[in-house]
Structure formats: C-alpha cells, structure tokens
Amino acid sequence: MRSQFLRRFLFGLTVIATVSLTCVSATKVADDETNQVLEWNQILIDTLVQGNAVNATSPRLSAIVHTAIFDAYNGIERRYTPIYVQPAAPRGASRRAAVIAAAYTTLHALFPTRQSDLDARYAASLAALYDDEDDDGGRSRERGIAWGVQVANAVLAWRAADGFSGSYPAFRGGPAVGQWRPTPPLLASMASQPLAFTQPFVLASATQFQPPAPRGFLTSTYVDDFNTVKSLGRFSGSTRTDDQTALAPFWDGNASVHWNQAANQMARANDLSMSKANRLLAVLNIAMADTMFTTWNGKRHYAESDTLVTWRPITAITLADLDFNPGTEADVNWTPLISTPSHPEYPAGHPSLNGAGATVLLTWFDDAQTFTLTTRANNIDLPSRTYTSISQARMDGNNARVWGGMHYPSTVAISNQLGETIANYINEHAMQPLHPGQ
C-alpha cells in the first residue's frame, strides 16, 4: 500500500512540474552531473531570501535543513558519524532521492509561506532522477524518498524541543550606566531572545565557549572603541569612505545567505563530490547555528548585569557625560548610519557568524577564491559584491558593523574569534570519518 501511494505521489509531482521523464531519459543527461546537495542548498538560499528570513534566526533554520540532508545521505553512505539520526536506511535506497526528500520535507515545514515554490522545485528535482527507475521500477528512489522523509521528520521533532519555541518574559536590560537598554527608533525589547535559551546542535551547551566579560568604562580599549565608532559610524559627517558607506548596509544583510552563497560557489568551482559538499555545508551551517546560540546567550547573560558595559553606541555616545571617563565626550545629536538592532551590543551577531563561516571555508579551500554575494534589503536588491579572497570578505563584513555605527571594534574582534573557535571545534568533533585515514 505504501509503495503504491509513493508511486502515485511521484507521478503527480512529475505532472505538476510538467517535466517529461521520457524526454529526460532520451537525452540521457548523466545523473552524476547534478549534485543534489548543492542544488537544495541553493534552494535553501533562495528560500531565505524570498521568505525575508531574519538574520538571527536563519542559522538555526539552515542547520535544521542541512542536518537532515547530511544524516539522510550519510545514513546510506555510512562514511561519517551522524549528527542526530543513526544510519538505518533500507538497502538499495537512492542517496540522491534521500537528499531531495530530506531537504524538501524540512523546508516545507520551516517555510510554510513558500510551499508552492518548494512543491514545484521538489517535483522537478525528483523528475530528473530517471536512472533509479531503469533497473528496479523506481524502488530505489522510493526507498530513498521514504528514508529522507523519515530522517527529516526525526530532525524536525528533535529541534522542536530545543528551547527555541519556549515562552520567555520580554527582556529590556536596565537603566544602569553602561547597561543595555532599548534603542531608537523602535525602543523594543530584546529581539530573537529565544536563541539565548536554545540547545546547540553539537556543543554541549551555549555556555561551552562563553566569551569573556566586555571591557570596562575606565579602560583604554573602551575609549578607543567609543571614539572609533563615534567618528566612523555616524550617519552624517563620518570619516568613512564612499565604499565603506556602501559596504555597511550590504553586510547588514543575512549572513547565512552570504556564507552559503560563498560555500556553494566554491564547492562547484572546486568540483567537490556530493559526499564532501554534504559535510562542508553541514559543518558550515551547524557552526553558524551553534555560534549564534552562544552569542545570544552571551548577550542575554551580560546585559542582565548592571555593572557591565553592554549598551549600544547610540546610547553610549549620547549619554557619555554619565560614564565617568574623561576620554569620551557626549554628542546628543549622534545617530548611526544603520538603525541599531534591538538586542545588546556584546557580543556581536554578524561578526561571530562571519568568523564561523569564513573559518569553515578556509578549512576546506585556499583563501584565494572568487565568489559573488548578494543582499536584499527592504525587498530591494543591493549591488552585488564579487570577492577574490575569503579573508577580505570576512574583514569587510566585520568592519561594516563599525562603519554602520552598531558595534565597537573590540566587540567585533572578540565575536569574530568566538565564531572561529566554535567552527574549529565542530569541524574536529562532529561528522568524523568512520574509518581511519578516510
């Protein structure tokens, strides 16, 4: 009965996509020319963009998708230790069909507003898998689909209980000098607060790599931080170059989109196999997710203290007369180039993600790589940026937080290092080869 249902379901999807299997078989485009891991990573990227996914929550969504893809493929290949789902795939299951089904099932659950587009792309992706039908009547493909769906549902159930969907009282920091408080124009409570209480994918907890406490008021570091962002990050009268002014809003875009775009292009340019691309993208997205949970936990933890400096530049610069530091001078009219997001300044989200993303890519590839990144802001596509160096992209992305007037240089440096540390840990401790020397 289940087999008959799957056959009818596949036939219906093929009709929806208006793709002729007879035509595909006639052209005999080799199945191994399509890397379904990279195909569905691109669909994930497109979905994040078209769904206007929030930067802070995108790493969790992306990690869920790539955990399902990794465990579905690896459950058949059995090359690495699994992330969550132990290998139990039926014999003869199609790896490619498993990837497609796992990716589609997770994306379909996580992005309900994109279902029509996802349905069409799922149908087209399955329709291209002509070769599994030639020898066994499509049973390999059906087994792969069933396994991919099984893995995806297990991953979705696991992450549904990770704490992200919990109910937490609104957090607004406090009125102490130096303590984070809501910032204009929204004056809103801490955004995406559940991330601070979300269980990581690989790390033991969100405090395993907790960053140190932020610098104090009466330090030379704070004076340098204050005056640098006051000069560079202001809306008007800044010492920024024109290119720096353009880079600030570009890198204010979705970091998951940026680093997945870079990884996908590099994987194609360097002819990574499906197995290697599968591990690359799983490590990348899990590293970014666990980095974001660690960062948000740090924001929430340190901003609760009324003795630590976690307030944003817009607060610090306009209220500098209160900080007891002769090296800082208030400017009540100072405003940042980019509106300040509604969460504590320390540690910093984008720089921590840049550190994690760039570190993963530098583990796999030489620094000299050519890739093009895009950003959509307020439903408008900004001019794309083509880079020839992973490190340069990382540097621009980090400096952009100062140029935009949102973060202090020392926070950026510490956060970038935090992402690098977590990325290295995950690469060295998760998804490890099952056989020595592999």
Foldseek 3Di string as FASTA:
>chain_A
DLVVVLVVVLVVLLVVLVDDLVVLVVVPDDPQVDQLLLVLLVVLLVLCAVLVPDQLCSLVLLLLLLLLLLCLLCLQVVFWQHLPDHNDQDPLADNNLLNLLLNLLSCCVVRVVCNVVSSNVSSVSVSNPSPCCPPPNCVNNVSSNVSSNVSNVVSVVVQVPQQQPDDDDFAAQDDFVQFAGQDPDVSGTAPSLSLLRGAASPDRGLCPLAFDFDDALADPQNLQQLVLLLQQFFQPNHPDDPVLLQLLVFLVFRLSSFLSQVLSVVCVVVVPGSNVSSVLSSLLSSLLSSLSSSFSNNQVVNSNDSRGRFYWSLVCQQPVVPSPYPSHHHDVPTDGNDDADNTTQAQDNQLLSLLQSLLSVVVPDPQQQWGKGWGADPNRTDDIDIDRGSVVVSVSSLVSCSNRRTHTPVSSVSSSVSSNVSSVCCVVPGRHTPDPPD
